[in-house]
């Protein structure tokens, strides 16, 4: 009797084995629950980290896109300001109060019909004094053949105005007769018949058309 009691108290009897199994099962269950809790915590932390990475990538991509959009939408200085043509002649010096159009080369077309007499057409009326016979005048001009409009001479091609005496035989009769009385600052069209142009002289033959800007007279 005393030995059985001793064996039971030492945990070697049937009851002791059952208790050990129960204790082991409880320990295993607790360990499993602890592992599940750790996995849940680790999974939540990993999820938060993934979300954070995705947000960071999204912000970086959007910032880069905004920078590209701003770069694309901002015109460069070279695009907004066209380069000046180094071969273009300088703009002529215009008389005070003159129409700015005199700073631009005129387009000159062919005439129509048969030209029988000298015709002076004022295209721009200048505000300066009238040209007098015997004065030196400074002009820009374009000369074309009256019939087809083909250009044969122009001061604009030389890059500077031309100066000469007027009304004294230094130029063709059409100029001597047509420009006297024209006010400084004017642009006029001279339709000159052949006999008042280069008839019997070296130069373009036939009727001619000139557009002349009178820039000065002295």
N, C-alpha and C. Protein backbone atom coordinates (compact mmCIF):
# COMPACT_ATOMS: atom_id res chain seq x y z
N UNK A 1 0.84 -1.20 0.00
CA UNK A 1 0.00 0.00 0.00
C UNK A 1 0.87 1.25 0.00
N UNK A 2 1.85 1.32 0.81
CA UNK A 2 2.70 2.49 0.89
C UNK A 2 3.50 2.70 -0.40
N UNK A 3 3.87 1.64 -1.13
CA UNK A 3 4.62 1.76 -2.37
C UNK A 3 3.75 2.36 -3.46
N UNK A 4 2.46 1.96 -3.52
CA UNK A 4 1.56 2.50 -4.53
C UNK A 4 1.37 4.00 -4.33
N UNK A 5 1.22 4.30 -3.02
CA UNK A 5 1.05 5.72 -2.73
C UNK A 5 2.27 6.49 -3.19
N UNK A 6 3.45 5.95 -2.93
CA UNK A 6 4.70 6.61 -3.34
C UNK A 6 4.81 6.73 -4.86
N UNK A 7 4.39 5.64 -5.59
CA UNK A 7 4.47 5.69 -7.05
C UNK A 7 3.56 6.77 -7.64
N UNK A 8 2.36 6.89 -7.10
CA UNK A 8 1.41 7.91 -7.59
C UNK A 8 1.93 9.32 -7.34
N UNK A 9 2.49 9.49 -6.14
CA UNK A 9 2.97 10.82 -5.81
C UNK A 9 4.16 11.20 -6.69
N UNK A 10 4.88 10.20 -7.20
CA UNK A 10 6.03 10.46 -8.08
C UNK A 10 5.59 10.69 -9.51
N UNK A 11 4.29 10.51 -9.82
CA UNK A 11 3.77 10.74 -11.18
C UNK A 11 3.99 9.57 -12.07
N UNK A 12 4.18 8.33 -11.51
CA UNK A 12 4.45 7.19 -12.35
C UNK A 12 3.22 6.35 -12.56
N UNK A 13 2.08 6.67 -11.96
CA UNK A 13 0.88 5.89 -12.12
C UNK A 13 0.09 6.32 -13.31
N UNK A 14 -1.03 5.63 -13.60
CA UNK A 14 -1.89 5.99 -14.74
C UNK A 14 -2.37 7.41 -14.66
N UNK A 15 -2.74 7.88 -13.49
CA UNK A 15 -3.20 9.26 -13.38
C UNK A 15 -2.12 10.25 -13.73
N UNK A 16 -0.89 9.96 -13.36
CA UNK A 16 0.22 10.87 -13.65
C UNK A 16 0.48 10.98 -15.13
N UNK A 17 0.36 9.89 -15.85
CA UNK A 17 0.58 9.93 -17.31
C UNK A 17 -0.48 10.79 -17.99
N UNK A 18 -1.73 10.65 -17.56
CA UNK A 18 -2.81 11.44 -18.16
C UNK A 18 -2.59 12.92 -17.93
N UNK A 19 -2.13 13.24 -16.73
CA UNK A 19 -1.89 14.65 -16.43
C UNK A 19 -0.78 15.21 -17.29
N UNK A 20 0.28 14.38 -17.51
CA UNK A 20 1.39 14.86 -18.34
C UNK A 20 0.93 15.07 -19.78
N UNK A 21 0.12 14.16 -20.28
CA UNK A 21 -0.39 14.32 -21.66
C UNK A 21 -1.23 15.58 -21.77
N UNK A 22 -2.07 15.82 -20.79
CA UNK A 22 -2.92 17.01 -20.81
C UNK A 22 -2.08 18.28 -20.76
N UNK A 23 -1.07 18.24 -19.90
CA UNK A 23 -0.18 19.41 -19.78
C UNK A 23 0.54 19.66 -21.09
N UNK A 24 0.99 18.55 -21.76
CA UNK A 24 1.71 18.69 -23.03
C UNK A 24 0.79 19.26 -24.11
N UNK A 25 -0.45 18.78 -24.11
CA UNK A 25 -1.41 19.29 -25.09
C UNK A 25 -1.68 20.78 -24.88
N UNK A 26 -1.84 21.17 -23.61
CA UNK A 26 -2.08 22.57 -23.31
C UNK A 26 -0.89 23.44 -23.75
N UNK A 27 0.33 22.94 -23.47
CA UNK A 27 1.53 23.68 -23.86
C UNK A 27 1.62 23.83 -25.37
N UNK A 28 1.29 22.71 -26.08
CA UNK A 28 1.34 22.76 -27.55
C UNK A 28 0.31 23.74 -28.09
N UNK A 29 -0.88 23.71 -27.47
CA UNK A 29 -1.94 24.63 -27.92
C UNK A 29 -1.52 26.08 -27.71
N UNK A 30 -0.91 26.36 -26.53
CA UNK A 30 -0.45 27.72 -26.25
C UNK A 30 0.64 28.15 -27.24
N UNK A 31 1.55 27.18 -27.51
CA UNK A 31 2.63 27.50 -28.45
C UNK A 31 2.07 27.81 -29.84
N UNK A 32 1.04 27.02 -30.27
CA UNK A 32 0.43 27.24 -31.58
C UNK A 32 -0.25 28.61 -31.62
N UNK A 33 -0.98 28.94 -30.55
CA UNK A 33 -1.64 30.24 -30.50
C UNK A 33 -0.62 31.38 -30.55
N UNK A 34 0.51 31.17 -29.83
CA UNK A 34 1.56 32.20 -29.84
C UNK A 34 2.12 32.37 -31.24
N UNK A 35 2.34 31.21 -31.95
CA UNK A 35 2.85 31.31 -33.33
C UNK A 35 1.87 32.03 -34.23
N UNK A 36 0.57 31.74 -34.08
CA UNK A 36 -0.44 32.42 -34.92
C UNK A 36 -0.45 33.92 -34.65
N UNK A 37 -0.32 34.31 -33.35
CA UNK A 37 -0.30 35.73 -33.03
C UNK A 37 0.91 36.42 -33.66
N UNK A 38 2.09 35.73 -33.56
CA UNK A 38 3.30 36.31 -34.16
C UNK A 38 3.15 36.44 -35.67
N UNK A 39 2.58 35.43 -36.32
CA UNK A 39 2.39 35.48 -37.78
C UNK A 39 1.43 36.60 -38.17
N UNK A 40 0.35 36.76 -37.34
CA UNK A 40 -0.61 37.83 -37.62
C UNK A 40 0.06 39.20 -37.53
N UNK A 41 0.86 39.36 -36.45
CA UNK A 41 1.54 40.64 -36.27
C UNK A 41 2.52 40.91 -37.41
N UNK A 42 3.30 39.85 -37.75
CA UNK A 42 4.27 40.02 -38.84
C UNK A 42 3.57 40.30 -40.16
N UNK A 43 2.41 39.62 -40.38
CA UNK A 43 1.67 39.88 -41.63
C UNK A 43 1.16 41.30 -41.69
N UNK A 44 0.66 41.82 -40.57
CA UNK A 44 0.16 43.20 -40.55
C UNK A 44 1.29 44.19 -40.80
N UNK A 45 2.46 43.94 -40.15
CA UNK A 45 3.60 44.83 -40.35
C UNK A 45 4.05 44.80 -41.81
N UNK A 46 4.10 43.60 -42.39
CA UNK A 46 4.51 43.48 -43.80
C UNK A 46 3.53 44.20 -44.71
N UNK A 47 2.22 44.09 -44.41
CA UNK A 47 1.22 44.79 -45.22
C UNK A 47 1.40 46.29 -45.17
N UNK A 48 1.65 46.80 -43.96
CA UNK A 48 1.87 48.24 -43.82
C UNK A 48 3.10 48.67 -44.59
N UNK A 49 4.15 47.86 -44.54
CA UNK A 49 5.38 48.20 -45.26
C UNK A 49 5.15 48.22 -46.76
N UNK A 50 4.40 47.23 -47.29
CA UNK A 50 4.11 47.19 -48.73
C UNK A 50 3.33 48.42 -49.15
N UNK A 51 2.31 48.77 -48.35
CA UNK A 51 1.51 49.97 -48.66
C UNK A 51 2.40 51.21 -48.67
N UNK A 52 3.30 51.30 -47.69
CA UNK A 52 4.20 52.45 -47.63
C UNK A 52 5.09 52.52 -48.86
N UNK A 53 5.61 51.36 -49.30
CA UNK A 53 6.46 51.34 -50.50
C UNK A 53 5.67 51.77 -51.72
N UNK A 54 4.44 51.27 -51.86
CA UNK A 54 3.61 51.64 -53.01
C UNK A 54 3.32 53.13 -53.02
N UNK A 55 3.00 53.69 -51.86
CA UNK A 55 2.74 55.14 -51.77
C UNK A 55 3.98 55.93 -52.16
N UNK A 56 5.16 55.48 -51.68
CA UNK A 56 6.40 56.18 -52.03
C UNK A 56 6.67 56.15 -53.52
N UNK A 57 6.46 54.97 -54.16
CA UNK A 57 6.66 54.86 -55.61
C UNK A 57 5.69 55.76 -56.35
N UNK A 58 4.43 55.78 -55.91
CA UNK A 58 3.42 56.62 -56.56
C UNK A 58 3.81 58.11 -56.50
N UNK A 59 4.29 58.55 -55.32
CA UNK A 59 4.67 59.96 -55.15
C UNK A 59 5.85 60.29 -56.04
N UNK A 60 6.86 59.40 -56.10
CA UNK A 60 8.05 59.66 -56.92
C UNK A 60 7.68 59.73 -58.39
N UNK A 61 6.83 58.77 -58.85
CA UNK A 61 6.43 58.77 -60.25
C UNK A 61 5.66 60.03 -60.61
N UNK A 62 4.72 60.42 -59.73
CA UNK A 62 3.94 61.63 -60.00
C UNK A 62 4.80 62.88 -60.01
N UNK A 63 5.76 62.96 -59.08
CA UNK A 63 6.65 64.12 -59.06
C UNK A 63 7.47 64.20 -60.34
N UNK A 64 7.96 63.04 -60.79
CA UNK A 64 8.71 63.02 -62.04
C UNK A 64 7.86 63.43 -63.22
N UNK A 65 6.60 62.97 -63.24
CA UNK A 65 5.68 63.34 -64.33
C UNK A 65 5.40 64.83 -64.31
N UNK A 66 5.20 65.40 -63.09
CA UNK A 66 4.95 66.84 -63.00
C UNK A 66 6.13 67.64 -63.51
N UNK A 67 7.36 67.17 -63.16
CA UNK A 67 8.55 67.88 -63.63
C UNK A 67 8.64 67.86 -65.14
N UNK A 68 8.32 66.69 -65.76
CA UNK A 68 8.35 66.58 -67.20
C UNK A 68 7.30 67.46 -67.84
N UNK A 69 6.10 67.48 -67.23
CA UNK A 69 5.02 68.31 -67.78
C UNK A 69 5.41 69.78 -67.72
N UNK A 70 6.02 70.21 -66.59
CA UNK A 70 6.42 71.60 -66.47
C UNK A 70 7.51 71.94 -67.45
N UNK A 71 8.45 70.98 -67.65
CA UNK A 71 9.53 71.22 -68.61
C UNK A 71 8.98 71.32 -70.02
N UNK A 72 8.01 70.44 -70.35
CA UNK A 72 7.45 70.44 -71.70
C UNK A 72 6.60 71.67 -71.95
N UNK A 73 5.92 72.17 -70.90
CA UNK A 73 5.01 73.30 -71.11
C UNK A 73 5.70 74.64 -71.04
N UNK A 74 6.94 74.69 -70.56
CA UNK A 74 7.65 75.96 -70.45
C UNK A 74 8.49 76.18 -71.69
N UNK A 75 8.11 77.12 -72.56
CA UNK A 75 8.88 77.33 -73.78
C UNK A 75 10.25 77.89 -73.46
N UNK A 76 11.24 77.43 -74.22
CA UNK A 76 12.58 77.94 -74.02
C UNK A 76 12.73 79.31 -74.64
N UNK A 77 13.75 80.03 -74.18
CA UNK A 77 13.98 81.37 -74.71
C UNK A 77 14.29 81.33 -76.19
N UNK A 78 15.01 80.24 -76.64
CA UNK A 78 15.38 80.16 -78.04
C UNK A 78 14.17 79.91 -78.91
N UNK A 79 13.13 79.22 -78.36
CA UNK A 79 11.93 78.95 -79.16
C UNK A 79 11.06 80.19 -79.29
N UNK A 80 10.99 81.02 -78.23
CA UNK A 80 10.11 82.18 -78.26
C UNK A 80 10.72 83.38 -78.96
N UNK A 81 12.05 83.41 -79.11
CA UNK A 81 12.71 84.55 -79.73
C UNK A 81 13.47 84.09 -80.97
N UNK A 82 12.92 84.29 -82.17
CA UNK A 82 13.60 83.86 -83.39
C UNK A 82 14.91 84.61 -83.58
N UNK A 83 15.90 83.91 -84.11
CA UNK A 83 17.22 84.51 -84.32
C UNK A 83 17.17 85.52 -85.46
N UNK A 84 17.91 86.60 -85.28
CA UNK A 84 17.96 87.63 -86.32
C UNK A 84 18.80 87.14 -87.49
N UNK A 85 18.41 87.52 -88.70
CA UNK A 85 19.13 87.14 -89.90
C UNK A 85 20.35 88.05 -90.04
N UNK A 86 21.58 87.48 -89.90
CA UNK A 86 22.78 88.34 -89.96
C UNK A 86 23.01 88.93 -91.34
N UNK A 87 22.39 88.34 -92.38
CA UNK A 87 22.59 88.84 -93.74
C UNK A 87 21.59 89.93 -94.13
N UNK A 88 20.57 90.16 -93.29
CA UNK A 88 19.55 91.15 -93.62
C UNK A 88 20.15 92.56 -93.52
N UNK A 89 19.84 93.43 -94.48
CA UNK A 89 20.36 94.80 -94.42
C UNK A 89 19.73 95.56 -93.26
N UNK A 90 20.43 96.55 -92.73
CA UNK A 90 19.86 97.32 -91.62
C UNK A 90 18.65 98.13 -92.07
N UNK A 91 17.73 98.36 -91.14
CA UNK A 91 16.55 99.15 -91.46
C UNK A 91 16.97 100.59 -91.75
N UNK A 92 16.35 101.24 -92.73
CA UNK A 92 16.75 102.61 -93.06
C UNK A 92 16.36 103.58 -91.96
N UNK A 93 17.12 104.68 -91.88
CA UNK A 93 16.77 105.74 -90.93
C UNK A 93 15.64 106.56 -91.52
N UNK A 94 14.54 106.62 -90.82
CA UNK A 94 13.35 107.29 -91.33
C UNK A 94 13.29 108.73 -90.84
N UNK A 95 12.68 109.60 -91.62
CA UNK A 95 12.51 110.99 -91.15
C UNK A 95 11.56 111.04 -89.96
N UNK A 96 11.68 112.05 -89.14
CA UNK A 96 10.85 112.17 -87.94
C UNK A 96 9.37 112.21 -88.31
N UNK A 97 8.58 111.39 -87.61
CA UNK A 97 7.15 111.33 -87.84
C UNK A 97 6.73 110.53 -89.06
N UNK A 98 7.69 109.83 -89.70
CA UNK A 98 7.37 109.06 -90.90
C UNK A 98 6.60 107.80 -90.55
N UNK A 99 5.83 107.32 -91.52
CA UNK A 99 5.10 106.06 -91.35
C UNK A 99 6.10 104.92 -91.20
N UNK A 100 5.97 104.07 -90.15
CA UNK A 100 6.91 102.95 -89.97
C UNK A 100 6.96 102.00 -91.16
N UNK A 101 5.94 102.02 -92.01
CA UNK A 101 5.92 101.13 -93.17
C UNK A 101 7.10 101.41 -94.10
N UNK A 102 7.66 102.61 -94.04
CA UNK A 102 8.80 102.92 -94.89
C UNK A 102 10.05 102.14 -94.48
N UNK A 103 10.01 101.52 -93.33
CA UNK A 103 11.13 100.68 -92.90
C UNK A 103 11.07 99.28 -93.46
N UNK A 104 10.02 98.97 -94.23
CA UNK A 104 9.85 97.64 -94.80
C UNK A 104 9.87 97.72 -96.31
N UNK A 105 10.57 96.82 -96.94
CA UNK A 105 10.65 96.77 -98.41
C UNK A 105 9.26 96.56 -99.00
N UNK A 106 8.87 97.35 -99.99
CA UNK A 106 7.54 97.18 -100.59
C UNK A 106 7.52 96.05 -101.61
N UNK A 107 6.34 95.46 -101.78
CA UNK A 107 6.14 94.48 -102.85
C UNK A 107 5.61 95.24 -104.07
N UNK A 108 6.22 94.99 -105.23
CA UNK A 108 5.88 95.73 -106.44
C UNK A 108 5.40 94.75 -107.51
N UNK A 109 4.19 94.96 -107.99
CA UNK A 109 3.59 94.07 -109.00
C UNK A 109 3.69 94.71 -110.38
N UNK A 110 3.37 93.93 -111.40
CA UNK A 110 3.36 94.44 -112.77
C UNK A 110 2.18 95.38 -112.97
N UNK A 111 2.30 96.25 -113.99
CA UNK A 111 1.21 97.15 -114.33
C UNK A 111 0.18 96.47 -115.22
N UNK A 112 -0.88 97.19 -115.54
CA UNK A 112 -1.95 96.66 -116.38
C UNK A 112 -2.20 97.60 -117.56
N UNK A 113 -2.43 97.02 -118.71
CA UNK A 113 -2.73 97.82 -119.89
C UNK A 113 -1.51 98.50 -120.46
N UNK A 114 -1.73 99.36 -121.43
CA UNK A 114 -0.65 100.08 -122.09
C UNK A 114 -0.37 101.39 -121.36
N UNK A 115 0.90 101.63 -121.05
CA UNK A 115 1.29 102.83 -120.32
C UNK A 115 1.64 103.92 -121.34
N UNK A 116 0.90 105.01 -121.33
CA UNK A 116 1.10 106.08 -122.31
C UNK A 116 1.68 107.36 -121.73
N UNK A 117 1.59 107.54 -120.43
CA UNK A 117 2.10 108.77 -119.83
C UNK A 117 2.63 108.50 -118.42
N UNK A 118 3.45 109.43 -117.95
CA UNK A 118 3.99 109.33 -116.59
C UNK A 118 2.85 109.44 -115.58
N UNK A 119 2.80 108.47 -114.67
CA UNK A 119 1.75 108.45 -113.65
C UNK A 119 2.40 108.34 -112.27
N UNK A 120 2.06 109.28 -111.40
CA UNK A 120 2.59 109.27 -110.02
C UNK A 120 1.44 108.94 -109.08
N UNK A 121 1.58 107.83 -108.33
CA UNK A 121 0.55 107.40 -107.38
C UNK A 121 1.12 107.45 -105.97
N UNK A 122 0.50 108.22 -105.10
CA UNK A 122 0.98 108.31 -103.71
C UNK A 122 0.45 107.12 -102.92
N UNK A 123 1.36 106.31 -102.40
CA UNK A 123 1.00 105.15 -101.58
C UNK A 123 0.99 105.51 -100.09
N UNK A 124 1.94 106.33 -99.67
CA UNK A 124 2.00 106.85 -98.30
C UNK A 124 2.31 108.34 -98.40
N UNK A 125 1.53 109.16 -97.76
CA UNK A 125 1.72 110.61 -97.82
C UNK A 125 2.63 111.05 -96.68
N UNK A 126 3.79 111.62 -97.03
CA UNK A 126 4.72 112.10 -96.01
C UNK A 126 4.33 113.45 -95.45
N UNK A 127 4.85 113.76 -94.26
CA UNK A 127 4.53 115.01 -93.57
C UNK A 127 5.64 116.05 -93.69
N UNK A 128 6.70 115.70 -94.42
CA UNK A 128 7.83 116.62 -94.52
C UNK A 128 7.64 117.64 -95.64
N UNK A 129 8.68 118.46 -95.90
CA UNK A 129 8.61 119.47 -96.96
C UNK A 129 8.61 118.83 -98.35
N UNK A 130 8.13 119.56 -99.33
CA UNK A 130 8.09 119.07 -100.71
C UNK A 130 9.48 119.14 -101.33
N UNK A 131 9.78 118.14 -102.17
CA UNK A 131 11.05 118.09 -102.87
C UNK A 131 11.08 119.20 -103.93
N UNK A 132 12.23 119.90 -104.00
CA UNK A 132 12.40 120.98 -104.98
C UNK A 132 13.47 120.60 -105.99
N UNK A 133 13.31 121.07 -107.21
CA UNK A 133 14.30 120.83 -108.25
C UNK A 133 15.65 121.40 -107.83
N UNK A 134 16.70 120.64 -108.04
CA UNK A 134 18.05 121.06 -107.66
C UNK A 134 18.48 120.52 -106.30
N UNK A 135 17.58 119.93 -105.55
CA UNK A 135 17.96 119.39 -104.24
C UNK A 135 18.60 118.01 -104.38
N UNK A 136 19.32 117.63 -103.35
CA UNK A 136 19.82 116.25 -103.20
C UNK A 136 18.78 115.47 -102.39
N UNK A 137 18.28 114.37 -102.95
CA UNK A 137 17.30 113.57 -102.21
C UNK A 137 17.86 112.19 -101.89
N UNK A 138 17.42 111.67 -100.78
CA UNK A 138 17.81 110.31 -100.36
C UNK A 138 16.58 109.42 -100.45
N UNK A 139 16.72 108.29 -101.15
CA UNK A 139 15.56 107.43 -101.41
C UNK A 139 15.91 105.96 -101.24
N UNK A 140 14.89 105.20 -100.94
CA UNK A 140 14.90 103.75 -101.15
C UNK A 140 13.95 103.47 -102.30
N UNK A 141 14.29 102.49 -103.15
CA UNK A 141 13.43 102.25 -104.31
C UNK A 141 13.52 100.79 -104.75
N UNK A 142 12.47 100.36 -105.45
CA UNK A 142 12.45 99.07 -106.15
C UNK A 142 11.98 99.35 -107.57
N UNK A 143 12.73 98.84 -108.57
CA UNK A 143 12.35 99.03 -109.97
C UNK A 143 12.03 97.71 -110.65
N UNK A 144 10.90 97.65 -111.36
CA UNK A 144 10.49 96.44 -112.07
C UNK A 144 10.05 96.82 -113.49
N UNK A 145 10.02 95.82 -114.36
CA UNK A 145 9.45 96.03 -115.69
C UNK A 145 7.93 96.14 -115.55
N UNK A 146 7.39 97.14 -116.20
CA UNK A 146 5.95 97.42 -116.06
C UNK A 146 5.10 96.24 -116.55
N UNK A 147 5.53 95.58 -117.60
CA UNK A 147 4.69 94.56 -118.22
C UNK A 147 4.64 93.25 -117.43
N UNK A 148 5.75 92.83 -116.83
CA UNK A 148 5.75 91.52 -116.17
C UNK A 148 6.12 91.58 -114.68
N UNK A 149 6.49 92.75 -114.18
CA UNK A 149 6.80 92.87 -112.76
C UNK A 149 8.15 92.30 -112.35
N UNK A 150 9.00 91.94 -113.32
CA UNK A 150 10.31 91.38 -112.99
C UNK A 150 11.24 92.48 -112.49
N UNK A 151 11.84 92.27 -111.34
CA UNK A 151 12.71 93.30 -110.75
C UNK A 151 14.04 93.38 -111.49
N UNK A 152 14.53 94.61 -111.71
CA UNK A 152 15.83 94.80 -112.34
C UNK A 152 16.79 95.61 -111.47
N UNK A 153 16.28 96.32 -110.46
CA UNK A 153 17.16 97.11 -109.60
C UNK A 153 16.44 97.44 -108.30
N UNK A 154 17.23 97.59 -107.20
CA UNK A 154 16.65 97.97 -105.91
C UNK A 154 17.75 98.44 -104.97
N UNK A 155 17.51 99.58 -104.32
CA UNK A 155 18.45 100.04 -103.29
C UNK A 155 18.42 99.13 -102.07
N UNK A 156 17.29 98.44 -101.86
CA UNK A 156 17.17 97.53 -100.72
C UNK A 156 18.20 96.41 -100.82
N UNK A 157 18.52 96.01 -102.05
CA UNK A 157 19.52 94.95 -102.24
C UNK A 157 20.93 95.43 -101.89
N UNK A 158 21.15 96.75 -101.96
CA UNK A 158 22.47 97.30 -101.66
C UNK A 158 22.65 97.51 -100.16
N UNK A 159 21.57 97.48 -99.39
CA UNK A 159 21.66 97.63 -97.94
C UNK A 159 21.70 99.06 -97.46
N UNK A 160 21.56 100.05 -98.37
CA UNK A 160 21.53 101.45 -97.95
C UNK A 160 20.80 102.28 -99.00
N UNK A 161 20.18 103.40 -98.58
CA UNK A 161 19.47 104.26 -99.53
C UNK A 161 20.43 104.91 -100.54
N UNK A 162 19.86 105.43 -101.62
CA UNK A 162 20.64 106.11 -102.67
C UNK A 162 20.37 107.60 -102.61
N UNK A 163 21.41 108.41 -102.80
CA UNK A 163 21.30 109.87 -102.78
C UNK A 163 21.75 110.43 -104.12
N UNK A 164 21.01 111.36 -104.69
CA UNK A 164 21.35 111.96 -105.98
C UNK A 164 20.59 113.27 -106.16
N UNK A 165 21.03 114.06 -107.15
CA UNK A 165 20.35 115.31 -107.44
C UNK A 165 19.07 115.06 -108.22
N UNK A 166 18.06 115.87 -108.00
CA UNK A 166 16.78 115.72 -108.68
C UNK A 166 16.47 116.97 -109.50
N UNK A 167 15.91 116.75 -110.69
CA UNK A 167 15.54 117.87 -111.55
C UNK A 167 16.70 118.48 -112.30
N UNK A 168 17.83 117.79 -112.31
CA UNK A 168 19.04 118.35 -112.94
C UNK A 168 19.63 117.41 -113.99
N UNK A 169 18.92 116.38 -114.38
CA UNK A 169 19.41 115.46 -115.42
C UNK A 169 20.33 114.37 -114.90
N UNK A 170 20.46 114.22 -113.60
CA UNK A 170 21.32 113.15 -113.06
C UNK A 170 20.63 111.79 -113.10
N UNK A 171 19.30 111.80 -113.22
CA UNK A 171 18.52 110.56 -113.27
C UNK A 171 17.62 110.61 -114.50
N UNK A 172 16.89 109.53 -114.74
CA UNK A 172 16.01 109.49 -115.90
C UNK A 172 14.90 110.55 -115.78
N UNK A 173 14.33 110.91 -116.92
CA UNK A 173 13.34 111.98 -116.94
C UNK A 173 12.12 111.65 -116.09
N UNK A 174 11.73 110.41 -116.05
CA UNK A 174 10.58 110.02 -115.24
C UNK A 174 10.77 110.34 -113.77
N UNK A 175 12.00 110.20 -113.26
CA UNK A 175 12.30 110.55 -111.87
C UNK A 175 12.36 112.08 -111.71
N UNK A 176 13.08 112.74 -112.64
CA UNK A 176 13.19 114.20 -112.54
C UNK A 176 11.82 114.88 -112.51
N UNK A 177 10.92 114.36 -113.33
CA UNK A 177 9.59 114.98 -113.41
C UNK A 177 8.65 114.46 -112.32
N UNK A 178 8.78 113.20 -111.98
CA UNK A 178 7.81 112.59 -111.07
C UNK A 178 8.04 112.85 -109.59
N UNK A 179 9.29 113.11 -109.19
CA UNK A 179 9.59 113.25 -107.76
C UNK A 179 9.60 114.69 -107.27
N UNK A 180 9.73 115.66 -108.17
CA UNK A 180 9.67 117.05 -107.74
C UNK A 180 8.26 117.35 -107.23
N UNK A 181 8.16 117.89 -106.03
CA UNK A 181 6.87 118.19 -105.41
C UNK A 181 6.40 117.12 -104.44
N UNK A 182 7.03 115.95 -104.45
CA UNK A 182 6.67 114.88 -103.50
C UNK A 182 7.20 115.26 -102.11
N UNK A 183 6.40 115.09 -101.08
CA UNK A 183 6.83 115.46 -99.72
C UNK A 183 7.73 114.39 -99.11
N UNK A 184 8.68 114.85 -98.30
CA UNK A 184 9.59 113.92 -97.60
C UNK A 184 8.77 113.04 -96.65
N UNK A 185 9.11 111.75 -96.63
CA UNK A 185 8.36 110.78 -95.84
C UNK A 185 7.30 110.06 -96.65
N UNK A 186 7.22 110.37 -97.95
CA UNK A 186 6.21 109.74 -98.82
C UNK A 186 6.76 108.47 -99.48
N UNK A 187 5.86 107.58 -99.83
CA UNK A 187 6.14 106.44 -100.71
C UNK A 187 5.26 106.60 -101.94
N UNK A 188 5.88 106.69 -103.11
CA UNK A 188 5.13 106.91 -104.34
C UNK A 188 5.46 105.83 -105.36
N UNK A 189 4.49 105.58 -106.22
CA UNK A 189 4.68 104.65 -107.32
C UNK A 189 4.80 105.46 -108.62
N UNK A 190 5.91 105.27 -109.34
CA UNK A 190 6.13 105.97 -110.61
C UNK A 190 5.97 104.97 -111.75
N UNK A 191 4.97 105.18 -112.60
CA UNK A 191 4.80 104.39 -113.81
C UNK A 191 5.32 105.24 -114.96
N UNK A 192 6.45 104.80 -115.54
CA UNK A 192 7.21 105.63 -116.47
C UNK A 192 7.18 105.01 -117.87
N UNK A 193 6.64 105.72 -118.87
CA UNK A 193 6.67 105.20 -120.24
C UNK A 193 8.10 105.13 -120.76
N UNK A 194 8.30 104.34 -121.79
CA UNK A 194 9.65 104.06 -122.29
C UNK A 194 10.42 105.32 -122.65
N UNK A 195 9.76 106.32 -123.25
CA UNK A 195 10.46 107.53 -123.69
C UNK A 195 10.96 108.38 -122.53
N UNK A 196 10.43 108.19 -121.31
CA UNK A 196 10.90 108.93 -120.13
C UNK A 196 11.77 108.05 -119.23
N UNK A 197 12.05 106.82 -119.69
CA UNK A 197 12.88 105.90 -118.92
C UNK A 197 14.30 105.88 -119.52
N UNK A 198 14.75 104.72 -119.95
CA UNK A 198 16.12 104.60 -120.43
C UNK A 198 16.19 104.59 -121.96
N UNK A 199 15.26 105.24 -122.61
CA UNK A 199 15.29 105.30 -124.07
C UNK A 199 16.60 105.91 -124.55
N UNK A 200 17.24 105.20 -125.51
CA UNK A 200 18.53 105.63 -126.07
C UNK A 200 19.65 105.66 -125.03
N UNK A 201 19.46 105.00 -123.90
CA UNK A 201 20.48 104.93 -122.86
C UNK A 201 20.73 103.47 -122.48
N UNK A 202 21.86 103.23 -121.84
CA UNK A 202 22.11 101.89 -121.32
C UNK A 202 21.24 101.66 -120.09
N UNK A 203 20.49 100.59 -120.08
CA UNK A 203 19.62 100.28 -118.96
C UNK A 203 18.43 99.48 -119.42
N UNK A 204 17.56 99.11 -118.51
CA UNK A 204 16.36 98.33 -118.87
C UNK A 204 15.48 99.13 -119.83
N UNK A 205 15.05 98.48 -120.89
CA UNK A 205 14.26 99.16 -121.90
C UNK A 205 12.76 98.89 -121.71
N UNK A 206 11.95 99.77 -122.29
CA UNK A 206 10.51 99.64 -122.20
C UNK A 206 9.95 100.40 -121.02
N UNK A 207 8.64 100.35 -120.83
CA UNK A 207 8.02 101.04 -119.69
C UNK A 207 8.43 100.40 -118.37
N UNK A 208 8.57 101.22 -117.34
CA UNK A 208 9.06 100.74 -116.04
C UNK A 208 8.14 101.21 -114.92
N UNK A 209 8.23 100.50 -113.81
CA UNK A 209 7.51 100.90 -112.59
C UNK A 209 8.50 100.94 -111.44
N UNK A 210 8.47 102.04 -110.71
CA UNK A 210 9.29 102.20 -109.50
C UNK A 210 8.37 102.48 -108.31
N UNK A 211 8.74 101.94 -107.17
CA UNK A 211 8.16 102.39 -105.89
C UNK A 211 9.29 103.05 -105.12
N UNK A 212 9.12 104.33 -104.81
CA UNK A 212 10.20 105.15 -104.25
C UNK A 212 9.78 105.71 -102.89
N UNK A 213 10.65 105.55 -101.89
CA UNK A 213 10.46 106.17 -100.58
C UNK A 213 11.39 107.38 -100.49
N UNK A 214 10.83 108.57 -100.30
CA UNK A 214 11.63 109.80 -100.18
C UNK A 214 11.94 110.00 -98.70
N UNK A 215 13.22 109.79 -98.32
CA UNK A 215 13.63 109.82 -96.91
C UNK A 215 14.20 111.16 -96.48
N UNK A 216 14.75 111.93 -97.45
CA UNK A 216 15.32 113.23 -97.10
C UNK A 216 15.47 114.07 -98.36
N UNK A 217 15.49 115.40 -98.20
CA UNK A 217 15.75 116.33 -99.30
C UNK A 217 16.45 117.56 -98.72
N UNK A 218 17.54 117.95 -99.34
CA UNK A 218 18.30 119.09 -98.81
C UNK A 218 19.02 119.83 -99.95
